[in-house]
Amino acid sequence: MAKLPPAFPSASAKPAMGEAKRKVVLGLGNLLNRDEGLGVQALKLLDTQIGEQVDVELLDGGVLGLNLLTIVEECSHLLILDAVNAGKPAGTIVELAKDQIPLYAGVKLSQHQVTFQEVLGLANIRGYLPEHLHLVGIQPDDLTVGLELSPTVEAALPEMVRRAITVLEGWRLTKLTEKRMDHAAAFQIGNDTYTMPADRHYDRETHLWAQLDPVGGQVVVGIDALGLAALGDLAYVTLPAVGTTVERGKSMGTLEAAKMTGSLIAPVSGVIVAANERTVQNPSLVNQDMYGNGWLVAIQPAAWQHESERLVSGEDLPAWVDAELERYRRQGWID
C-alpha cells in the first residue's frame, strides 16, 4: 500500500478523454481523530486480507483534499473508503454507487474540511469523473482526538472491507473471483443449472449456505440455489439486528416468497455482526446473486468447529445434491 506524495502533476498533465487507466482504492481520513480515520484503517485491513490478490493501487489519501484531483482524473476505476455522515445510526455501513454520490458541497457526506465530494464534483465538471466509481463507508460515532476507532465503528470495519472486496470482484479486479469460479461445482438438470460452490458449507434442512472468512473469523450466510428453487422469487425478508445472539436451528428472521412463507433458520450459533440491508430493501437481489451481493447476515460463530461438522461440504456435496434433486422432482419443485 502506497502513501501518496505531497505534490502531484499539474492539471495540464491530465490524460486525454477516454485514456484514464488507473484502478485505485483510496482510503481517506485523519488518523488523529478516531472514526474520521476509518477510511485509512479500512484500507490497511483490505491490504492485509487481499493486498496481493487485487489488480489495483491501494492509496492512502489522508486528508489531502484537492491535491487528489489528478489521481481521480487518471482513474478508470475508483473505490473510495471513508467515514460517511449519512444521518444514520453510528456503525451503519453506507454504500453508494456512482449515480448516488452527491457531486456538490450542498450535501456533505465527508467529515473532512475540504470534502472529497468537491474533488469529485470538480472532476465531473472538467469531464474526467471515473467511469467506475463507488463509495463504501461507515457512519462515524466519535470524532474526538484519539488514535483508536470507536467500538461501534471497529465492529463494523470487517463488514465494510468485505463490501469493498465485493465491489472489486464485481469489477473483475481480484483473483478471488477466478478462484471462486474454479471451485464451483455445477449440477445440470434439463435446461437448468443449480450451482453449489464447493468453498462453503450447506445446511441439509434449510438450504442455507455458510462461508467462513479465514481472516476475520465471521461466517457469512445466504440461501443456496436449491433453496431458491423451492422458494421462488423472494418478496420480503426480515433479518436480525447487529448484536443479536442466534442459535443454530432457531429462527433468525422471516421471508416471503412466491411459493412459500417461513422462517430463516440459523445454520450456526453466534452473534450477528452484519445484516445485508440491500437484501431487505431489494429481496430479489438474493435470487439474482445468491452467492454474492445477495448474502443475508454475517455471524461471529460461537462453535464453528463443532457445528460445521453438521453441515454438508467438500466431497460429500455431490451425493447430497443428487439426493436433493431427486427429492425436489418428487415434490414438484423442479422438472
Protein backbone atom coordinates (compact mmCIF):
# COMPACT_ATOMS: atom_id res chain seq x y z
CA MET A 1 0.00 0.00 0.00
CA ALA A 2 1.47 3.35 -1.02
CA LYS A 3 1.28 6.71 0.73
CA LEU A 4 0.53 9.48 -1.73
CA PRO A 5 3.30 12.05 -2.27
CA PRO A 6 2.73 15.62 -1.10
CA ALA A 7 2.62 17.07 -4.60
CA PHE A 8 1.02 16.00 -7.86
CA PRO A 9 1.34 16.87 -11.54
CA SER A 10 -0.50 19.97 -12.69
CA ALA A 11 -3.96 19.72 -14.21
CA SER A 12 -2.44 20.33 -17.63
CA ALA A 13 -0.81 16.88 -17.36
CA LYS A 14 -4.13 15.07 -17.07
CA PRO A 15 -4.85 12.23 -19.51
CA ALA A 16 -6.80 12.76 -22.70
CA MET A 17 -10.51 11.95 -22.50
CA GLY A 18 -11.05 8.18 -22.52
CA GLU A 19 -7.43 7.37 -21.62
CA ALA A 20 -7.84 7.12 -17.84
CA LYS A 21 -6.49 3.72 -16.87
CA ARG A 22 -5.58 3.75 -13.18
CA LYS A 23 -7.55 1.45 -10.89
CA VAL A 24 -7.42 2.78 -7.34
CA VAL A 25 -8.80 2.05 -3.89
CA LEU A 26 -8.48 5.32 -1.99
CA GLY A 27 -8.61 5.40 1.81
CA LEU A 28 -9.45 8.82 3.24
CA GLY A 29 -9.33 10.27 6.72
CA ASN A 30 -7.39 11.72 9.62
CA LEU A 31 -5.99 9.02 11.89
CA LEU A 32 -5.71 11.51 14.76
CA ASN A 33 -9.48 11.92 15.10
CA ARG A 34 -10.69 8.40 15.84
CA ASP A 35 -13.52 7.46 13.45
CA GLU A 36 -12.53 10.14 10.94
CA GLY A 37 -9.60 7.89 10.07
CA LEU A 38 -11.67 4.79 9.37
CA GLY A 39 -11.09 5.00 5.60
CA VAL A 40 -7.36 4.63 6.10
CA GLN A 41 -7.90 1.88 8.69
CA ALA A 42 -10.16 0.02 6.25
CA LEU A 43 -7.52 0.34 3.55
CA LYS A 44 -4.93 -1.25 5.83
CA LEU A 45 -7.27 -4.14 6.63
CA LEU A 46 -8.05 -4.60 2.93
CA ASP A 47 -4.32 -4.66 2.18
CA THR A 48 -3.81 -7.32 4.86
CA GLN A 49 -6.60 -9.52 3.53
CA ILE A 50 -6.17 -9.36 -0.25
CA GLY A 51 -3.33 -6.96 -0.98
CA GLU A 52 -1.55 -9.44 -3.26
CA GLN A 53 -4.74 -10.58 -4.97
CA VAL A 54 -6.02 -7.31 -6.42
CA ASP A 55 -5.21 -5.61 -9.70
CA VAL A 56 -5.49 -2.13 -8.16
CA GLU A 57 -3.42 0.51 -6.38
CA LEU A 58 -4.17 0.84 -2.67
CA LEU A 59 -3.54 4.50 -1.84
CA ASP A 60 -3.67 6.32 1.49
CA GLY A 61 -5.14 9.72 0.62
CA GLY A 62 -5.28 11.01 4.18
CA VAL A 63 -6.87 14.48 4.13
CA LEU A 64 -5.10 15.79 1.03
CA GLY A 65 -8.33 17.18 -0.41
CA LEU A 66 -7.94 18.97 -3.73
CA ASN A 67 -4.45 17.52 -4.16
CA LEU A 68 -6.21 14.27 -5.05
CA LEU A 69 -7.83 15.71 -8.17
CA THR A 70 -5.16 14.47 -10.55
CA ILE A 71 -5.37 10.97 -9.11
CA VAL A 72 -9.13 10.96 -9.55
CA GLU A 73 -8.93 12.18 -13.15
CA GLU A 74 -6.44 9.44 -14.05
CA CYS A 75 -8.76 6.66 -12.84
CA SER A 76 -10.99 4.38 -14.83
CA HIS A 77 -11.98 2.62 -11.58
CA LEU A 78 -12.09 4.38 -8.19
CA LEU A 79 -13.29 2.82 -4.94
CA ILE A 80 -13.46 5.26 -2.01
CA LEU A 81 -13.23 4.19 1.63
CA ASP A 82 -14.22 6.91 4.08
CA ALA A 83 -16.22 7.99 7.11
CA VAL A 84 -19.66 8.98 5.79
CA ASN A 85 -22.12 11.27 7.53
CA ALA A 86 -25.41 9.96 6.15
CA GLY A 87 -27.50 10.72 9.21
CA LYS A 88 -27.78 7.04 10.12
CA PRO A 89 -27.09 5.27 13.43
CA ALA A 90 -23.40 5.05 14.29
CA GLY A 91 -21.76 1.95 12.85
CA THR A 92 -24.14 1.68 9.88
CA ILE A 93 -22.48 0.65 6.63
CA VAL A 94 -23.07 3.25 3.90
CA GLU A 95 -22.58 2.18 0.30
CA LEU A 96 -23.15 4.48 -2.67
CA ALA A 97 -22.86 3.76 -6.37
CA LYS A 98 -21.64 6.39 -8.83
CA ASP A 99 -25.07 7.86 -9.52
CA GLN A 100 -25.86 8.04 -5.78
CA ILE A 101 -22.88 10.16 -4.68
CA PRO A 102 -23.78 13.88 -4.45
CA LEU A 103 -21.14 15.67 -6.53
CA TYR A 104 -21.51 19.06 -4.85
CA ALA A 105 -20.90 20.57 -1.44
CA GLY A 106 -24.57 21.19 -0.59
CA VAL A 107 -24.93 17.64 0.71
CA LYS A 108 -21.89 17.00 2.88
CA LEU A 109 -21.15 13.32 3.40
CA SER A 110 -17.44 13.56 4.18
CA GLN A 111 -16.12 14.54 7.61
CA HIS A 112 -13.17 16.46 6.15
CA GLN A 113 -12.78 20.23 5.82
CA VAL A 114 -12.45 20.03 2.04
CA THR A 115 -14.89 17.32 1.15
CA PHE A 116 -13.96 14.68 -1.36
CA GLN A 117 -17.33 15.36 -2.95
CA GLU A 118 -15.92 18.72 -4.06
CA VAL A 119 -12.99 16.92 -5.67
CA LEU A 120 -15.36 14.56 -7.48
CA GLY A 121 -17.60 17.48 -8.46
CA LEU A 122 -14.67 19.33 -9.99
CA ALA A 123 -13.55 16.22 -11.87
CA ASN A 124 -17.10 15.84 -13.17
CA ILE A 125 -17.24 19.46 -14.36
CA ARG A 126 -13.92 19.00 -16.14
CA GLY A 127 -15.21 15.82 -17.80
CA TYR A 128 -12.87 13.39 -16.04
CA LEU A 129 -15.04 11.60 -13.49
CA PRO A 130 -14.02 7.90 -13.34
CA GLU A 131 -16.26 5.63 -15.36
CA HIS A 132 -16.44 3.18 -12.46
CA LEU A 133 -16.94 4.91 -9.11
CA HIS A 134 -18.14 3.52 -5.77
CA LEU A 135 -18.09 4.59 -2.12
CA VAL A 136 -18.09 2.31 0.91
CA GLY A 137 -18.05 3.81 4.37
CA ILE A 138 -19.42 3.77 7.91
CA GLN A 139 -21.46 6.31 9.85
CA PRO A 140 -18.95 7.54 12.48
CA ASP A 141 -19.60 7.60 16.21
CA ASP A 142 -16.67 9.52 17.74
CA LEU A 143 -14.64 12.23 16.00
CA THR A 144 -12.71 13.44 19.04
CA VAL A 145 -8.91 13.38 19.23
CA GLY A 146 -7.61 9.84 19.54
CA LEU A 147 -5.89 7.09 17.59
CA GLU A 148 -8.38 4.25 18.09
CA LEU A 149 -11.69 3.73 16.34
CA SER A 150 -14.81 3.78 18.48
CA PRO A 151 -16.01 0.26 19.45
CA THR A 152 -19.13 0.68 17.29
CA VAL A 153 -17.19 1.53 14.15
CA GLU A 154 -14.42 -1.01 14.82
CA ALA A 155 -17.06 -3.77 15.00
CA ALA A 156 -18.40 -2.73 11.58
CA LEU A 157 -14.98 -2.44 9.91
CA PRO A 158 -14.69 -6.11 8.74
CA GLU A 159 -18.08 -5.86 7.02
CA MET A 160 -17.04 -2.60 5.35
CA VAL A 161 -13.95 -4.31 3.95
CA ARG A 162 -15.99 -7.32 2.85
CA ARG A 163 -18.27 -4.93 0.92
CA ALA A 164 -15.22 -3.30 -0.67
CA ILE A 165 -13.96 -6.71 -1.80
CA THR A 166 -17.38 -7.44 -3.32
CA VAL A 167 -17.15 -4.21 -5.35
CA LEU A 168 -13.68 -5.12 -6.62
CA GLU A 169 -14.88 -8.60 -7.54
CA GLY A 170 -17.78 -7.06 -9.45
CA TRP A 171 -15.25 -5.00 -11.38
CA ARG A 172 -13.23 -8.19 -12.06
CA LEU A 173 -10.18 -6.67 -10.34
CA THR A 174 -9.40 -9.51 -7.94
CA LYS A 175 -8.06 -13.01 -8.34
CA LEU A 176 -10.63 -14.14 -5.76
CA THR A 177 -13.41 -14.13 -8.37
CA GLU A 178 -11.48 -16.53 -10.59
CA LYS A 179 -10.74 -18.84 -7.66
CA ARG A 180 -14.39 -18.95 -6.60
CA MET A 181 -15.43 -19.78 -10.15
CA ASP A 182 -12.82 -22.54 -10.29
CA HIS A 183 -14.15 -24.05 -7.06
CA ALA A 184 -17.82 -24.08 -8.12
CA ALA A 185 -19.47 -27.43 -8.69
CA ALA A 186 -22.41 -27.22 -11.15
CA PHE A 187 -25.17 -29.82 -11.29
CA GLN A 188 -27.12 -29.90 -14.56
CA ILE A 189 -30.82 -30.78 -14.69
CA GLY A 190 -32.51 -30.44 -18.07
CA ASN A 191 -32.04 -26.83 -19.12
CA ASP A 192 -31.49 -25.57 -15.56
CA THR A 193 -28.20 -25.39 -13.70
CA TYR A 194 -28.11 -25.46 -9.90
CA THR A 195 -24.70 -24.27 -8.72
CA MET A 196 -23.34 -25.16 -5.30
CA PRO A 197 -19.89 -23.59 -4.79
CA ALA A 198 -17.54 -26.04 -3.10
CA ASP A 199 -15.94 -23.37 -0.90
CA ARG A 200 -18.81 -23.28 1.60
CA HIS A 201 -20.96 -25.42 3.89
CA TYR A 202 -24.68 -26.16 3.45
CA ASP A 203 -27.49 -26.84 5.91
CA ARG A 204 -29.25 -30.07 4.97
CA GLU A 205 -32.66 -28.96 6.18
CA THR A 206 -32.87 -25.28 5.29
CA HIS A 207 -30.59 -24.94 2.25
CA LEU A 208 -28.75 -22.00 3.75
CA TRP A 209 -25.05 -21.77 2.91
CA ALA A 210 -22.35 -20.71 5.37
CA GLN A 211 -18.88 -19.50 4.41
CA LEU A 212 -16.13 -18.90 6.96
CA ASP A 213 -13.89 -15.87 6.49
CA PRO A 214 -10.45 -17.29 7.44
CA VAL A 215 -9.12 -13.82 8.30
CA GLY A 216 -11.92 -12.19 10.30
CA GLY A 217 -13.46 -15.43 11.54
CA GLN A 218 -17.03 -14.41 10.66
CA VAL A 219 -19.44 -16.76 8.89
CA VAL A 220 -21.41 -15.24 6.01
CA VAL A 221 -24.82 -16.83 5.41
CA GLY A 222 -27.12 -16.93 2.39
CA ILE A 223 -29.65 -19.13 0.57
CA ASP A 224 -28.38 -21.73 -1.91
CA ALA A 225 -29.65 -22.44 -5.43
CA LEU A 226 -31.83 -25.39 -4.43
CA GLY A 227 -33.38 -23.43 -1.60
CA LEU A 228 -34.34 -20.69 -4.03
CA ALA A 229 -35.71 -23.26 -6.48
CA ALA A 230 -38.15 -24.31 -3.75
CA LEU A 231 -38.95 -20.76 -2.63
CA GLY A 232 -39.30 -18.98 -5.95
CA ASP A 233 -38.86 -15.22 -6.18
CA LEU A 234 -38.36 -13.55 -2.80
CA ALA A 235 -40.73 -10.68 -2.00
CA TYR A 236 -39.96 -9.87 1.65
CA VAL A 237 -37.11 -10.56 4.08
CA THR A 238 -36.52 -9.61 7.71
CA LEU A 239 -33.09 -10.02 9.29
CA PRO A 240 -31.87 -9.80 12.90
CA ALA A 241 -30.22 -6.62 14.15
CA VAL A 242 -26.47 -6.43 14.63
CA GLY A 243 -25.62 -7.68 18.11
CA THR A 244 -28.43 -10.26 18.20
CA THR A 245 -27.46 -13.69 19.51
CA VAL A 246 -28.72 -16.51 17.29
CA GLU A 247 -28.79 -20.27 17.89
CA ARG A 248 -28.35 -22.99 15.34
CA GLY A 249 -31.73 -24.49 14.40
CA LYS A 250 -33.69 -21.47 15.72
CA SER A 251 -35.36 -18.65 13.79
CA MET A 252 -33.28 -15.58 12.99
CA GLY A 253 -35.69 -13.87 10.59
CA THR A 254 -38.57 -14.37 8.17
CA LEU A 255 -39.11 -14.46 4.44
CA GLU A 256 -41.99 -14.39 1.99
CA ALA A 257 -41.56 -15.85 -1.49
CA ALA A 258 -43.67 -16.82 -4.49
CA LYS A 259 -44.03 -20.45 -3.38
CA MET A 260 -43.91 -20.28 0.40
CA THR A 261 -43.53 -18.16 3.54
CA GLY A 262 -41.49 -19.13 6.58
CA SER A 263 -38.63 -18.55 9.00
CA LEU A 264 -34.94 -18.17 8.33
CA ILE A 265 -33.24 -20.79 10.50
CA ALA A 266 -29.71 -20.07 11.70
CA PRO A 267 -27.20 -22.65 10.37
CA VAL A 268 -24.72 -21.78 13.12
CA SER A 269 -24.83 -20.21 16.57
CA GLY A 270 -23.24 -16.88 17.41
CA VAL A 271 -23.69 -13.11 17.33
CA ILE A 272 -24.86 -11.16 14.28
CA VAL A 273 -22.10 -8.77 13.21
CA ALA A 274 -23.68 -7.63 9.93
CA ALA A 275 -27.08 -7.78 8.22
CA ASN A 276 -27.36 -7.09 4.50
CA GLU A 277 -29.66 -4.08 4.23
CA ARG A 278 -29.65 -4.36 0.45
CA THR A 279 -31.47 -7.69 0.55
CA VAL A 280 -34.05 -6.24 2.93
CA GLN A 281 -34.66 -3.31 0.62
CA ASN A 282 -34.50 -5.44 -2.54
CA PRO A 283 -35.17 -9.15 -1.80
CA SER A 284 -34.88 -10.05 -5.49
CA LEU A 285 -31.14 -9.47 -5.10
CA VAL A 286 -31.00 -12.88 -3.39
CA ASN A 287 -32.41 -14.57 -6.49
CA GLN A 288 -30.13 -12.58 -8.79
CA ASP A 289 -26.84 -13.06 -6.91
CA MET A 290 -27.35 -15.70 -4.20
CA TYR A 291 -23.64 -16.34 -3.58
CA GLY A 292 -22.52 -12.71 -3.87
CA ASN A 293 -24.39 -9.49 -3.16
CA GLY A 294 -27.48 -11.46 -2.11
CA TRP A 295 -25.97 -12.72 1.16
CA LEU A 296 -28.12 -12.33 4.29
CA VAL A 297 -26.11 -12.00 7.51
CA ALA A 298 -22.62 -12.38 8.92
CA ILE A 299 -22.25 -14.21 12.23
CA GLN A 300 -19.39 -14.30 14.72
CA PRO A 301 -19.67 -18.05 15.39
CA ALA A 302 -19.74 -19.49 18.89
CA ALA A 303 -18.84 -23.07 17.95
CA TRP A 304 -17.90 -23.23 14.27
CA GLN A 305 -15.59 -26.22 14.51
CA HIS A 306 -18.32 -28.33 16.11
CA GLU A 307 -21.36 -27.04 14.24
CA SER A 308 -19.72 -27.03 10.80
CA GLU A 309 -19.42 -30.81 11.09
CA ARG A 310 -23.23 -30.96 10.96
CA LEU A 311 -23.27 -29.11 7.63
CA VAL A 312 -22.57 -30.60 4.19
CA SER A 313 -19.31 -29.68 2.45
CA GLY A 314 -16.43 -30.91 0.31
CA GLU A 315 -16.58 -34.43 -1.11
CA ASP A 316 -19.99 -35.04 0.48
CA LEU A 317 -21.63 -32.40 -1.71
CA PRO A 318 -22.27 -34.32 -4.98
CA ALA A 319 -24.15 -37.23 -3.38
CA TRP A 320 -26.22 -34.89 -1.21
CA VAL A 321 -27.12 -32.64 -4.14
CA ASP A 322 -28.11 -35.65 -6.26
CA ALA A 323 -30.40 -36.87 -3.49
CA GLU A 324 -31.89 -33.40 -3.02
CA LEU A 325 -32.55 -33.01 -6.74
CA GLU A 326 -34.43 -36.29 -6.75
CA ARG A 327 -36.46 -35.15 -3.73
CA TYR A 328 -37.21 -31.83 -5.43
CA ARG A 329 -38.50 -33.66 -8.50
CA ARG A 330 -40.82 -35.79 -6.36
CA GLN A 331 -42.11 -32.65 -4.62
CA GLY A 332 -42.68 -30.97 -7.98
CA TRP A 333 -40.38 -28.05 -7.15
CA ILE A 334 -38.29 -28.69 -10.29
CA ASP A 335 -38.96 -30.55 -13.54
